[in-house]
PDB file of N, CA and C in Angstrom:
ATOM      1  N   MET A   1     -14.423 -32.768   4.973  1.00  0.00           N
ATOM      2  CA  MET A   1     -14.411 -32.396   3.572  1.00  0.00           C
ATOM      3  C   MET A   1     -13.597 -31.122   3.395  1.00  0.00           C
ATOM      4  N   GLY A   2     -12.932 -31.022   2.281  1.00  0.00           N
ATOM      5  CA  GLY A   2     -12.171 -29.824   1.967  1.00  0.00           C
ATOM      6  C   GLY A   2     -13.074 -28.701   1.497  1.00  0.00           C
ATOM      7  N   THR A   3     -12.560 -27.468   1.544  1.00  0.00           N
ATOM      8  CA  THR A   3     -13.314 -26.313   1.089  1.00  0.00           C
ATOM      9  C   THR A   3     -13.075 -26.116  -0.397  1.00  0.00           C
ATOM     10  N   LYS A   4     -14.144 -25.972  -1.133  1.00  0.00           N
ATOM     11  CA  LYS A   4     -14.021 -25.745  -2.563  1.00  0.00           C
ATOM     12  C   LYS A   4     -13.548 -24.318  -2.797  1.00  0.00           C
ATOM     13  N   VAL A   5     -12.466 -24.154  -3.558  1.00  0.00           N
ATOM     14  CA  VAL A   5     -11.924 -22.830  -3.849  1.00  0.00           C
ATOM     15  C   VAL A   5     -12.709 -22.225  -5.007  1.00  0.00           C
ATOM     16  N   LYS A   6     -13.194 -21.009  -4.787  1.00  0.00           N
ATOM     17  CA  LYS A   6     -13.928 -20.317  -5.835  1.00  0.00           C
ATOM     18  C   LYS A   6     -12.959 -19.839  -6.917  1.00  0.00           C
ATOM     19  N   HIS A   7     -13.494 -19.548  -8.067  1.00  0.00           N
ATOM     20  CA  HIS A   7     -12.699 -19.069  -9.192  1.00  0.00           C
ATOM     21  C   HIS A   7     -11.882 -17.846  -8.793  1.00  0.00           C
ATOM     22  N   ARG A   8     -10.631 -17.810  -9.183  1.00  0.00           N
ATOM     23  CA  ARG A   8      -9.739 -16.685  -8.879  1.00  0.00           C
ATOM     24  C   ARG A   8      -9.196 -16.144 -10.193  1.00  0.00           C
ATOM     25  N   GLU A   9      -9.193 -14.832 -10.302  1.00  0.00           N
ATOM     26  CA  GLU A   9      -8.641 -14.177 -11.488  1.00  0.00           C
ATOM     27  C   GLU A   9      -7.902 -12.923 -11.038  1.00  0.00           C
ATOM     28  N   SER A  10      -6.701 -12.710 -11.596  1.00  0.00           N
ATOM     29  CA  SER A  10      -5.892 -11.540 -11.237  1.00  0.00           C
ATOM     30  C   SER A  10      -5.891 -10.524 -12.362  1.00  0.00           C
ATOM     31  N   TYR A  11      -5.710  -9.245 -11.995  1.00  0.00           N
ATOM     32  CA  TYR A  11      -5.758  -8.146 -12.955  1.00  0.00           C
ATOM     33  C   TYR A  11      -4.563  -7.217 -12.756  1.00  0.00           C
ATOM     34  N   ASP A  12      -3.975  -6.813 -13.862  1.00  0.00           N
ATOM     35  CA  ASP A  12      -2.941  -5.786 -13.873  1.00  0.00           C
ATOM     36  C   ASP A  12      -3.432  -4.631 -14.735  1.00  0.00           C
ATOM     37  N   LEU A  13      -2.773  -3.499 -14.625  1.00  0.00           N
ATOM     38  CA  LEU A  13      -3.138  -2.331 -15.425  1.00  0.00           C
ATOM     39  C   LEU A  13      -2.017  -2.014 -16.395  1.00  0.00           C
ATOM     40  N   ASP A  14      -2.366  -1.789 -17.645  1.00  0.00           N
ATOM     41  CA  ASP A  14      -1.369  -1.428 -18.655  1.00  0.00           C
ATOM     42  C   ASP A  14      -0.700  -0.116 -18.292  1.00  0.00           C
ATOM     43  N   GLY A  15       0.606  -0.057 -18.467  1.00  0.00           N
ATOM     44  CA  GLY A  15       1.348   1.188 -18.272  1.00  0.00           C
ATOM     45  C   GLY A  15       1.986   1.363 -16.918  1.00  0.00           C
ATOM     46  N   ILE A  16       1.531   0.613 -15.896  1.00  0.00           N
ATOM     47  CA  ILE A  16       2.129   0.714 -14.564  1.00  0.00           C
ATOM     48  C   ILE A  16       2.202  -0.673 -13.939  1.00  0.00           C
ATOM     49  N   SER A  17       3.110  -0.820 -12.996  1.00  0.00           N
ATOM     50  CA  SER A  17       3.210  -2.092 -12.282  1.00  0.00           C
ATOM     51  C   SER A  17       3.825  -1.857 -10.913  1.00  0.00           C
ATOM     52  N   HIS A  18       3.649  -2.846 -10.062  1.00  0.00           N
ATOM     53  CA  HIS A  18       4.291  -2.814  -8.748  1.00  0.00           C
ATOM     54  C   HIS A  18       5.753  -3.220  -8.901  1.00  0.00           C
ATOM     55  N   ALA A  19       6.572  -2.882  -7.926  1.00  0.00           N
ATOM     56  CA  ALA A  19       7.980  -3.278  -7.940  1.00  0.00           C
ATOM     57  C   ALA A  19       8.140  -4.753  -7.572  1.00  0.00           C
ATOM     58  N   VAL A  20       7.086  -5.351  -7.045  1.00  0.00           N
ATOM     59  CA  VAL A  20       7.103  -6.769  -6.680  1.00  0.00           C
ATOM     60  C   VAL A  20       6.059  -7.495  -7.533  1.00  0.00           C
ATOM     61  N   PRO A  21       6.168  -8.820  -7.666  1.00  0.00           N
ATOM     62  CA  PRO A  21       5.281  -9.555  -8.575  1.00  0.00           C
ATOM     63  C   PRO A  21       3.889  -9.832  -8.001  1.00  0.00           C
ATOM     64  N   ILE A  22       3.110  -8.768  -7.798  1.00  0.00           N
ATOM     65  CA  ILE A  22       1.734  -8.931  -7.333  1.00  0.00           C
ATOM     66  C   ILE A  22       0.809  -8.191  -8.289  1.00  0.00           C
ATOM     67  N   PRO A  23      -0.423  -8.646  -8.439  1.00  0.00           N
ATOM     68  CA  PRO A  23      -1.365  -7.953  -9.322  1.00  0.00           C
ATOM     69  C   PRO A  23      -1.966  -6.734  -8.636  1.00  0.00           C
ATOM     70  N   PHE A  24      -2.608  -5.879  -9.422  1.00  0.00           N
ATOM     71  CA  PHE A  24      -3.327  -4.740  -8.851  1.00  0.00           C
ATOM     72  C   PHE A  24      -4.618  -5.198  -8.195  1.00  0.00           C
ATOM     73  N   GLY A  25      -5.159  -6.298  -8.687  1.00  0.00           N
ATOM     74  CA  GLY A  25      -6.384  -6.800  -8.093  1.00  0.00           C
ATOM     75  C   GLY A  25      -6.553  -8.280  -8.347  1.00  0.00           C
ATOM     76  N   THR A  26      -7.323  -8.910  -7.474  1.00  0.00           N
ATOM     77  CA  THR A  26      -7.651 -10.321  -7.616  1.00  0.00           C
ATOM     78  C   THR A  26      -9.121 -10.498  -7.286  1.00  0.00           C
ATOM     79  N   ARG A  27      -9.808 -11.201  -8.169  1.00  0.00           N
ATOM     80  CA  ARG A  27     -11.219 -11.512  -7.931  1.00  0.00           C
ATOM     81  C   ARG A  27     -11.304 -12.964  -7.479  1.00  0.00           C
ATOM     82  N   VAL A  28     -11.996 -13.177  -6.375  1.00  0.00           N
ATOM     83  CA  VAL A  28     -12.275 -14.521  -5.877  1.00  0.00           C
ATOM     84  C   VAL A  28     -13.787 -14.604  -5.736  1.00  0.00           C
ATOM     85  N   GLY A  29     -14.404 -15.440  -6.546  1.00  0.00           N
ATOM     86  CA  GLY A  29     -15.861 -15.489  -6.549  1.00  0.00           C
ATOM     87  C   GLY A  29     -16.398 -14.143  -6.996  1.00  0.00           C
ATOM     88  N   ASN A  30     -17.277 -13.540  -6.210  1.00  0.00           N
ATOM     89  CA  ASN A  30     -17.829 -12.235  -6.586  1.00  0.00           C
ATOM     90  C   ASN A  30     -17.169 -11.082  -5.838  1.00  0.00           C
ATOM     91  N   MET A  31     -16.059 -11.350  -5.142  1.00  0.00           N
ATOM     92  CA  MET A  31     -15.348 -10.312  -4.387  1.00  0.00           C
ATOM     93  C   MET A  31     -14.075  -9.901  -5.124  1.00  0.00           C
ATOM     94  N   LEU A  32     -13.810  -8.606  -5.177  1.00  0.00           N
ATOM     95  CA  LEU A  32     -12.593  -8.073  -5.794  1.00  0.00           C
ATOM     96  C   LEU A  32     -11.758  -7.423  -4.707  1.00  0.00           C
ATOM     97  N   PHE A  33     -10.490  -7.821  -4.631  1.00  0.00           N
ATOM     98  CA  PHE A  33      -9.551  -7.268  -3.659  1.00  0.00           C
ATOM     99  C   PHE A  33      -8.440  -6.574  -4.422  1.00  0.00           C
ATOM    100  N   SER A  34      -8.064  -5.381  -3.985  1.00  0.00           N
ATOM    101  CA  SER A  34      -6.980  -4.675  -4.681  1.00  0.00           C
ATOM    102  C   SER A  34      -5.752  -4.597  -3.795  1.00  0.00           C
ATOM    103  N   SER A  35      -4.620  -4.503  -4.450  1.00  0.00           N
ATOM    104  CA  SER A  35      -3.391  -4.169  -3.733  1.00  0.00           C
ATOM    105  C   SER A  35      -3.289  -2.648  -3.784  1.00  0.00           C
ATOM    106  N   GLY A  36      -2.150  -2.092  -3.458  1.00  0.00           N
ATOM    107  CA  GLY A  36      -2.007  -0.639  -3.487  1.00  0.00           C
ATOM    108  C   GLY A  36      -2.195  -0.090  -4.888  1.00  0.00           C
ATOM    109  N   ILE A  37      -3.058   0.892  -5.010  1.00  0.00           N
ATOM    110  CA  ILE A  37      -3.296   1.536  -6.307  1.00  0.00           C
ATOM    111  C   ILE A  37      -2.681   2.919  -6.229  1.00  0.00           C
ATOM    112  N   MET A  38      -1.546   3.073  -6.889  1.00  0.00           N
ATOM    113  CA  MET A  38      -0.816   4.334  -6.800  1.00  0.00           C
ATOM    114  C   MET A  38      -1.282   5.341  -7.847  1.00  0.00           C
ATOM    115  N   GLY A  39      -0.833   6.571  -7.680  1.00  0.00           N
ATOM    116  CA  GLY A  39      -1.236   7.667  -8.557  1.00  0.00           C
ATOM    117  C   GLY A  39      -0.345   7.855  -9.774  1.00  0.00           C
ATOM    118  N   MET A  40       0.179   6.760 -10.313  1.00  0.00           N
ATOM    119  CA  MET A  40       1.008   6.848 -11.523  1.00  0.00           C
ATOM    120  C   MET A  40       0.135   7.155 -12.736  1.00  0.00           C
ATOM    121  N   ASP A  41       0.668   7.922 -13.644  1.00  0.00           N
ATOM    122  CA  ASP A  41       0.017   8.199 -14.920  1.00  0.00           C
ATOM    123  C   ASP A  41       0.258   6.988 -15.817  1.00  0.00           C
ATOM    124  N   ARG A  42      -0.800   6.256 -16.183  1.00  0.00           N
ATOM    125  CA  ARG A  42      -0.636   5.041 -16.986  1.00  0.00           C
ATOM    126  C   ARG A  42      -0.156   5.330 -18.399  1.00  0.00           C
ATOM    127  N   MET A  43      -0.397   6.523 -18.901  1.00  0.00           N
ATOM    128  CA  MET A  43       0.045   6.862 -20.258  1.00  0.00           C
ATOM    129  C   MET A  43       1.546   7.109 -20.318  1.00  0.00           C
ATOM    130  N   SER A  44       2.076   7.798 -19.314  1.00  0.00           N
ATOM    131  CA  SER A  44       3.511   8.117 -19.316  1.00  0.00           C
ATOM    132  C   SER A  44       4.323   7.140 -18.469  1.00  0.00           C
ATOM    133  N   GLY A  45       3.663   6.430 -17.553  1.00  0.00           N
ATOM    134  CA  GLY A  45       4.365   5.524 -16.647  1.00  0.00           C
ATOM    135  C   GLY A  45       5.111   6.245 -15.542  1.00  0.00           C
ATOM    136  N   SER A  46       4.836   7.536 -15.379  1.00  0.00           N
ATOM    137  CA  SER A  46       5.556   8.316 -14.368  1.00  0.00           C
ATOM    138  C   SER A  46       4.600   8.791 -13.272  1.00  0.00           C
ATOM    139  N   LEU A  47       5.190   9.169 -12.152  1.00  0.00           N
ATOM    140  CA  LEU A  47       4.436   9.704 -11.034  1.00  0.00           C
ATOM    141  C   LEU A  47       4.390  11.222 -11.164  1.00  0.00           C
ATOM    142  N   PRO A  48       3.196  11.818 -11.253  1.00  0.00           N
ATOM    143  CA  PRO A  48       3.103  13.280 -11.336  1.00  0.00           C
ATOM    144  C   PRO A  48       3.763  13.943 -10.121  1.00  0.00           C
ATOM    145  N   THR A  49       4.219  15.166 -10.300  1.00  0.00           N
ATOM    146  CA  THR A  49       4.934  15.852  -9.225  1.00  0.00           C
ATOM    147  C   THR A  49       4.004  16.457  -8.175  1.00  0.00           C
ATOM    148  N   ASP A  50       2.778  16.807  -8.534  1.00  0.00           N
ATOM    149  CA  ASP A  50       1.885  17.427  -7.550  1.00  0.00           C
ATOM    150  C   ASP A  50       0.883  16.406  -7.014  1.00  0.00           C
ATOM    151  N   ILE A  51       0.512  16.574  -5.762  1.00  0.00           N
ATOM    152  CA  ILE A  51      -0.319  15.610  -5.059  1.00  0.00           C
ATOM    153  C   ILE A  51      -1.731  15.528  -5.634  1.00  0.00           C
ATOM    154  N   GLU A  52      -2.279  16.655  -6.099  1.00  0.00           N
ATOM    155  CA  GLU A  52      -3.630  16.636  -6.670  1.00  0.00           C
ATOM    156  C   GLU A  52      -3.687  15.726  -7.897  1.00  0.00           C
ATOM    157  N   THR A  53      -2.693  15.820  -8.761  1.00  0.00           N
ATOM    158  CA  THR A  53      -2.663  14.994  -9.970  1.00  0.00           C
ATOM    159  C   THR A  53      -2.400  13.532  -9.615  1.00  0.00           C
ATOM    160  N   GLN A  54      -1.598  13.283  -8.587  1.00  0.00           N
ATOM    161  CA  GLN A  54      -1.365  11.905  -8.157  1.00  0.00           C
ATOM    162  C   GLN A  54      -2.682  11.266  -7.692  1.00  0.00           C
ATOM    163  N   TRP A  55      -3.446  11.998  -6.881  1.00  0.00           N
ATOM    164  CA  TRP A  55      -4.718  11.444  -6.415  1.00  0.00           C
ATOM    165  C   TRP A  55      -5.696  11.284  -7.565  1.00  0.00           C
ATOM    166  N   HIS A  56      -5.676  12.217  -8.511  1.00  0.00           N
ATOM    167  CA  HIS A  56      -6.530  12.095  -9.696  1.00  0.00           C
ATOM    168  C   HIS A  56      -6.228  10.778 -10.415  1.00  0.00           C
ATOM    169  N   HIS A  57      -4.943  10.504 -10.633  1.00  0.00           N
ATOM    170  CA  HIS A  57      -4.563   9.264 -11.320  1.00  0.00           C
ATOM    171  C   HIS A  57      -4.853   8.029 -10.468  1.00  0.00           C
ATOM    172  N   SER A  58      -4.730   8.154  -9.169  1.00  0.00           N
ATOM    173  CA  SER A  58      -5.060   7.034  -8.292  1.00  0.00           C
ATOM    174  C   SER A  58      -6.522   6.628  -8.470  1.00  0.00           C
ATOM    175  N   PHE A  59      -7.407   7.609  -8.520  1.00  0.00           N
ATOM    176  CA  PHE A  59      -8.826   7.299  -8.717  1.00  0.00           C
ATOM    177  C   PHE A  59      -9.097   6.800 -10.137  1.00  0.00           C
ATOM    178  N   LEU A  60      -8.394   7.348 -11.134  1.00  0.00           N
ATOM    179  CA  LEU A  60      -8.526   6.814 -12.493  1.00  0.00           C
ATOM    180  C   LEU A  60      -8.091   5.355 -12.535  1.00  0.00           C
ATOM    181  N   ASN A  61      -6.990   5.040 -11.849  1.00  0.00           N
ATOM    182  CA  ASN A  61      -6.483   3.669 -11.832  1.00  0.00           C
ATOM    183  C   ASN A  61      -7.436   2.737 -11.083  1.00  0.00           C
ATOM    184  N   MET A  62      -8.049   3.233 -10.012  1.00  0.00           N
ATOM    185  CA  MET A  62      -9.040   2.436  -9.300  1.00  0.00           C
ATOM    186  C   MET A  62     -10.213   2.111 -10.218  1.00  0.00           C
ATOM    187  N   ARG A  63     -10.695   3.115 -10.931  1.00  0.00           N
ATOM    188  CA  ARG A  63     -11.811   2.898 -11.857  1.00  0.00           C
ATOM    189  C   ARG A  63     -11.418   1.919 -12.966  1.00  0.00           C
ATOM    190  N   ALA A  64     -10.187   2.042 -13.485  1.00  0.00           N
ATOM    191  CA  ALA A  64      -9.726   1.132 -14.542  1.00  0.00           C
ATOM    192  C   ALA A  64      -9.689  -0.305 -14.037  1.00  0.00           C
ATOM    193  N   LEU A  65      -9.234  -0.503 -12.804  1.00  0.00           N
ATOM    194  CA  LEU A  65      -9.214  -1.849 -12.229  1.00  0.00           C
ATOM    195  C   LEU A  65     -10.634  -2.387 -12.070  1.00  0.00           C
ATOM    196  N   LEU A  66     -11.525  -1.566 -11.541  1.00  0.00           N
ATOM    197  CA  LEU A  66     -12.914  -1.999 -11.380  1.00  0.00           C
ATOM    198  C   LEU A  66     -13.524  -2.384 -12.725  1.00  0.00           C
ATOM    199  N   GLU A  67     -13.317  -1.554 -13.733  1.00  0.00           N
ATOM    200  CA  GLU A  67     -13.872  -1.836 -15.060  1.00  0.00           C
ATOM    201  C   GLU A  67     -13.276  -3.102 -15.656  1.00  0.00           C
ATOM    202  N   LYS A  68     -11.966  -3.290 -15.492  1.00  0.00           N
ATOM    203  CA  LYS A  68     -11.301  -4.483 -16.021  1.00  0.00           C
ATOM    204  C   LYS A  68     -11.882  -5.749 -15.384  1.00  0.00           C
ATOM    205  N   ALA A  69     -12.296  -5.649 -14.141  1.00  0.00           N
ATOM    206  CA  ALA A  69     -12.876  -6.785 -13.420  1.00  0.00           C
ATOM    207  C   ALA A  69     -14.395  -6.869 -13.595  1.00  0.00           C
ATOM    208  N   GLY A  70     -14.958  -5.991 -14.440  1.00  0.00           N
ATOM    209  CA  GLY A  70     -16.393  -6.013 -14.674  1.00  0.00           C
ATOM    210  C   GLY A  70     -17.212  -5.418 -13.536  1.00  0.00           C
ATOM    211  N   ARG A  71     -16.597  -4.503 -12.806  1.00  0.00           N
ATOM    212  CA  ARG A  71     -17.257  -3.861 -11.668  1.00  0.00           C
ATOM    213  C   ARG A  71     -17.351  -2.357 -11.906  1.00  0.00           C
ATOM    214  N   ASN A  72     -17.988  -1.642 -10.969  1.00  0.00           N
ATOM    215  CA  ASN A  72     -18.065  -0.190 -11.057  1.00  0.00           C
ATOM    216  C   ASN A  72     -18.014   0.384  -9.642  1.00  0.00           C
ATOM    217  N   PRO A  73     -17.721   1.676  -9.516  1.00  0.00           N
ATOM    218  CA  PRO A  73     -17.611   2.277  -8.177  1.00  0.00           C
ATOM    219  C   PRO A  73     -18.869   2.145  -7.330  1.00  0.00           C
ATOM    220  N   GLY A  74     -20.025   2.008  -7.951  1.00  0.00           N
ATOM    221  CA  GLY A  74     -21.271   1.861  -7.200  1.00  0.00           C
ATOM    222  C   GLY A  74     -21.329   0.569  -6.398  1.00  0.00           C
ATOM    223  N   ARG A  75     -20.483  -0.399  -6.734  1.00  0.00           N
ATOM    224  CA  ARG A  75     -20.454  -1.667  -6.009  1.00  0.00           C
ATOM    225  C   ARG A  75     -19.324  -1.715  -4.986  1.00  0.00           C
ATOM    226  N   LEU A  76     -18.555  -0.643  -4.907  1.00  0.00           N
ATOM    227  CA  LEU A  76     -17.429  -0.577  -3.975  1.00  0.00           C
ATOM    228  C   LEU A  76     -17.953  -0.251  -2.587  1.00  0.00           C
ATOM    229  N   TRP A  77     -17.501  -0.976  -1.587  1.00  0.00           N
ATOM    230  CA  TRP A  77     -18.041  -0.717  -0.251  1.00  0.00           C
ATOM    231  C   TRP A  77     -17.019  -0.194   0.738  1.00  0.00           C
ATOM    232  N   ARG A  78     -15.723  -0.365   0.475  1.00  0.00           N
ATOM    233  CA  ARG A  78     -14.735   0.181   1.406  1.00  0.00           C
ATOM    234  C   ARG A  78     -13.421   0.439   0.691  1.00  0.00           C
ATOM    235  N   THR A  79     -12.783   1.550   1.052  1.00  0.00           N
ATOM    236  CA  THR A  79     -11.459   1.870   0.524  1.00  0.00           C
ATOM    237  C   THR A  79     -10.550   2.270   1.680  1.00  0.00           C
ATOM    238  N   TYR A  80      -9.269   2.173   1.434  1.00  0.00           N
ATOM    239  CA  TYR A  80      -8.256   2.641   2.377  1.00  0.00           C
ATOM    240  C   TYR A  80      -7.385   3.643   1.633  1.00  0.00           C
ATOM    241  N   ALA A  81      -7.125   4.779   2.213  1.00  0.00           N
ATOM    242  CA  ALA A  81      -6.259   5.789   1.601  1.00  0.00           C
ATOM    243  C   ALA A  81      -5.038   5.976   2.496  1.00  0.00           C
ATOM    244  N   PHE A  82      -3.857   5.708   1.955  1.00  0.00           N
ATOM    245  CA  PHE A  82      -2.602   5.853   2.692  1.00  0.00           C
ATOM    246  C   PHE A  82      -1.780   6.958   2.047  1.00  0.00           C
ATOM    247  N   TRP A  83      -1.158   7.796   2.869  1.00  0.00           N
ATOM    248  CA  TRP A  83      -0.271   8.821   2.330  1.00  0.00           C
ATOM    249  C   TRP A  83       0.734   9.241   3.381  1.00  0.00           C
ATOM    250  N   SER A  84       1.764   9.892   2.914  1.00  0.00           N
ATOM    251  CA  SER A  84       2.724  10.482   3.853  1.00  0.00           C
ATOM    252  C   SER A  84       2.806  11.964   3.544  1.00  0.00           C
ATOM    253  N   GLY A  85       3.096  12.737   4.550  1.00  0.00           N
ATOM    254  CA  GLY A  85       3.217  14.177   4.338  1.00  0.00           C
ATOM    255  C   GLY A  85       2.121  14.950   5.036  1.00  0.00           C
ATOM    256  N   SER A  86       1.790  16.062   4.468  1.00  0.00           N
ATOM    257  CA  SER A  86       0.905  17.061   5.048  1.00  0.00           C
ATOM    258  C   SER A  86      -0.548  16.608   5.149  1.00  0.00           C
ATOM    259  N   LYS A  87      -1.265  17.161   6.130  1.00  0.00           N
ATOM    260  CA  LYS A  87      -2.706  16.927   6.233  1.00  0.00           C
ATOM    261  C   LYS A  87      -3.455  17.624   5.102  1.00  0.00           C
ATOM    262  N   ASN A  88      -2.797  18.533   4.395  1.00  0.00           N
ATOM    263  CA  ASN A  88      -3.435  19.202   3.260  1.00  0.00           C
ATOM    264  C   ASN A  88      -3.791  18.213   2.158  1.00  0.00           C
ATOM    265  N   ILE A  89      -3.243  17.028   2.239  1.00  0.00           N
ATOM    266  CA  ILE A  89      -3.525  15.999   1.245  1.00  0.00           C
ATOM    267  C   ILE A  89      -4.995  15.590   1.293  1.00  0.00           C
ATOM    268  N   VAL A  90      -5.613  15.681   2.448  1.00  0.00           N
ATOM    269  CA  VAL A  90      -7.016  15.290   2.600  1.00  0.00           C
ATOM    270  C   VAL A  90      -7.896  16.046   1.613  1.00  0.00           C
ATOM    271  N   ALA A  91      -7.618  17.316   1.371  1.00  0.00           N
ATOM    272  CA  ALA A  91      -8.407  18.101   0.415  1.00  0.00           C
ATOM    273  C   ALA A  91      -8.295  17.515  -0.990  1.00  0.00           C
ATOM    274  N   ALA A  92      -7.103  17.067  -1.371  1.00  0.00           N
ATOM    275  CA  ALA A  92      -6.914  16.453  -2.693  1.00  0.00           C
ATOM    276  C   ALA A  92      -7.673  15.131  -2.786  1.00  0.00           C
ATOM    277  N   VAL A  93      -7.639  14.346  -1.720  1.00  0.00           N
ATOM    278  CA  VAL A  93      -8.378  13.077  -1.700  1.00  0.00           C
ATOM    279  C   VAL A  93      -9.876  13.350  -1.786  1.00  0.00           C
ATOM    280  N   ASN A  94     -10.359  14.290  -0.980  1.00  0.00           N
ATOM    281  CA  ASN A  94     -11.796  14.592  -0.972  1.00  0.00           C
ATOM    282  C   ASN A  94     -12.287  15.100  -2.319  1.00  0.00           C
ATOM    283  N   ALA A  95     -11.486  15.893  -3.010  1.00  0.00           N
ATOM    284  CA  ALA A  95     -11.886  16.419  -4.319  1.00  0.00           C
ATOM    285  C   ALA A  95     -12.133  15.276  -5.309  1.00  0.00           C
ATOM    286  N   GLU A  96     -11.260  14.287  -5.305  1.00  0.00           N
ATOM    287  CA  GLU A  96     -11.434  13.141  -6.205  1.00  0.00           C
ATOM    288  C   GLU A  96     -12.533  12.207  -5.701  1.00  0.00           C
ATOM    289  N   TRP A  97     -12.684  12.134  -4.391  1.00  0.00           N
ATOM    290  CA  TRP A  97     -13.685  11.258  -3.780  1.00  0.00           C
ATOM    291  C   TRP A  97     -15.097  11.623  -4.233  1.00  0.00           C
ATOM    292  N   VAL A  98     -15.413  12.910  -4.186  1.00  0.00           N
ATOM    293  CA  VAL A  98     -16.772  13.322  -4.564  1.00  0.00           C
ATOM    294  C   VAL A  98     -17.015  13.148  -6.062  1.00  0.00           C
ATOM    295  N   LYS A  99     -15.969  13.191  -6.877  1.00  0.00           N
ATOM    296  CA  LYS A  99     -16.130  12.901  -8.310  1.00  0.00           C
ATOM    297  C   LYS A  99     -16.382  11.416  -8.533  1.00  0.00           C
ATOM    298  N   ALA A 100     -15.657  10.561  -7.802  1.00  0.00           N
ATOM    299  CA  ALA A 100     -15.777   9.116  -7.974  1.00  0.00           C
ATOM    300  C   ALA A 100     -17.098   8.581  -7.428  1.00  0.00           C
ATOM    301  N   PHE A 101     -17.575   9.193  -6.349  1.00  0.00           N
ATOM    302  CA  PHE A 101     -18.791   8.722  -5.688  1.00  0.00           C
ATOM    303  C   PHE A 101     -19.769   9.883  -5.515  1.00  0.00           C
ATOM    304  N   PRO A 102     -20.389  10.355  -6.600  1.00  0.00           N
ATOM    305  CA  PRO A 102     -21.264  11.524  -6.492  1.00  0.00           C
ATOM    306  C   PRO A 102     -22.533  11.277  -5.673  1.00  0.00           C
ATOM    307  N   ILE A 103     -23.020  10.040  -5.651  1.00  0.00           N
ATOM    308  CA  ILE A 103     -24.265   9.762  -4.932  1.00  0.00           C
ATOM    309  C   ILE A 103     -24.032   8.721  -3.842  1.00  0.00           C
ATOM    310  N   LEU A 104     -23.691   7.507  -4.242  1.00  0.00           N
ATOM    311  CA  LEU A 104     -23.478   6.422  -3.287  1.00  0.00           C
ATOM    312  C   LEU A 104     -22.020   6.403  -2.863  1.00  0.00           C
ATOM    313  N   LYS A 105     -21.767   6.771  -1.637  1.00  0.00           N
ATOM    314  CA  LYS A 105     -20.397   6.844  -1.129  1.00  0.00           C
ATOM    315  C   LYS A 105     -19.979   5.512  -0.504  1.00  0.00           C
ATOM    316  N   ALA A 106     -18.758   5.107  -0.786  1.00  0.00           N
ATOM    317  CA  ALA A 106     -18.186   3.941  -0.118  1.00  0.00           C
ATOM    318  C   ALA A 106     -17.572   4.411   1.197  1.00  0.00           C
ATOM    319  N   ALA A 107     -17.413   3.501   2.136  1.00  0.00           N
ATOM    320  CA  ALA A 107     -16.722   3.836   3.381  1.00  0.00           C
ATOM    321  C   ALA A 107     -15.245   4.046   3.068  1.00  0.00           C
ATOM    322  N   ARG A 108     -14.578   4.892   3.844  1.00  0.00           N
ATOM    323  CA  ARG A 108     -13.157   5.167   3.594  1.00  0.00           C
ATOM    324  C   ARG A 108     -12.405   5.268   4.901  1.00  0.00           C
ATOM    325  N   LEU A 109     -11.253   4.645   4.947  1.00  0.00           N
ATOM    326  CA  LEU A 109     -10.360   4.746   6.089  1.00  0.00           C
ATOM    327  C   LEU A 109      -9.108   5.470   5.638  1.00  0.00           C
ATOM    328  N   ASP A 110      -8.859   6.659   6.184  1.00  0.00           N
ATOM    329  CA  ASP A 110      -7.666   7.438   5.855  1.00  0.00           C
ATOM    330  C   ASP A 110      -6.563   7.117   6.856  1.00  0.00           C
ATOM    331  N   THR A 111      -5.362   6.880   6.336  1.00  0.00           N
ATOM    332  CA  THR A 111      -4.238   6.538   7.196  1.00  0.00           C
ATOM    333  C   THR A 111      -3.004   7.351   6.814  1.00  0.00           C
ATOM    334  N   PRO A 112      -2.775   8.488   7.467  1.00  0.00           N
ATOM    335  CA  PRO A 112      -1.515   9.198   7.251  1.00  0.00           C
ATOM    336  C   PRO A 112      -0.370   8.345   7.795  1.00  0.00           C
ATOM    337  N   MET A 113       0.715   8.308   7.072  1.00  0.00           N
ATOM    338  CA  MET A 113       1.846   7.462   7.496  1.00  0.00           C
ATOM    339  C   MET A 113       3.028   8.314   7.879  1.00  0.00           C
TER     340      MET A 113
END
């Protein structure tokens, strides 16, 4: 017998897009998978010049994707953070991390590139 494919729905975010034709997220059944969520400002469509503001927008964009899919950060169980450059970036990520997950923390894998 074949495997029944669960309902699939894709999500994009207004104001920003990938350079390739992929969505920001796809829901299959009750699971939501995201592609890379960058720190673009959705209002201006531009990438902020400082790393703290980029990470701030990255977390705003993550929350917007979760909300669009009917989810919230409390249901998030794992994230991956990729960046290039200085290790000082970890402080910017951590500052936004504690705002996004004040009580229930998701697991996180940091990957400097």
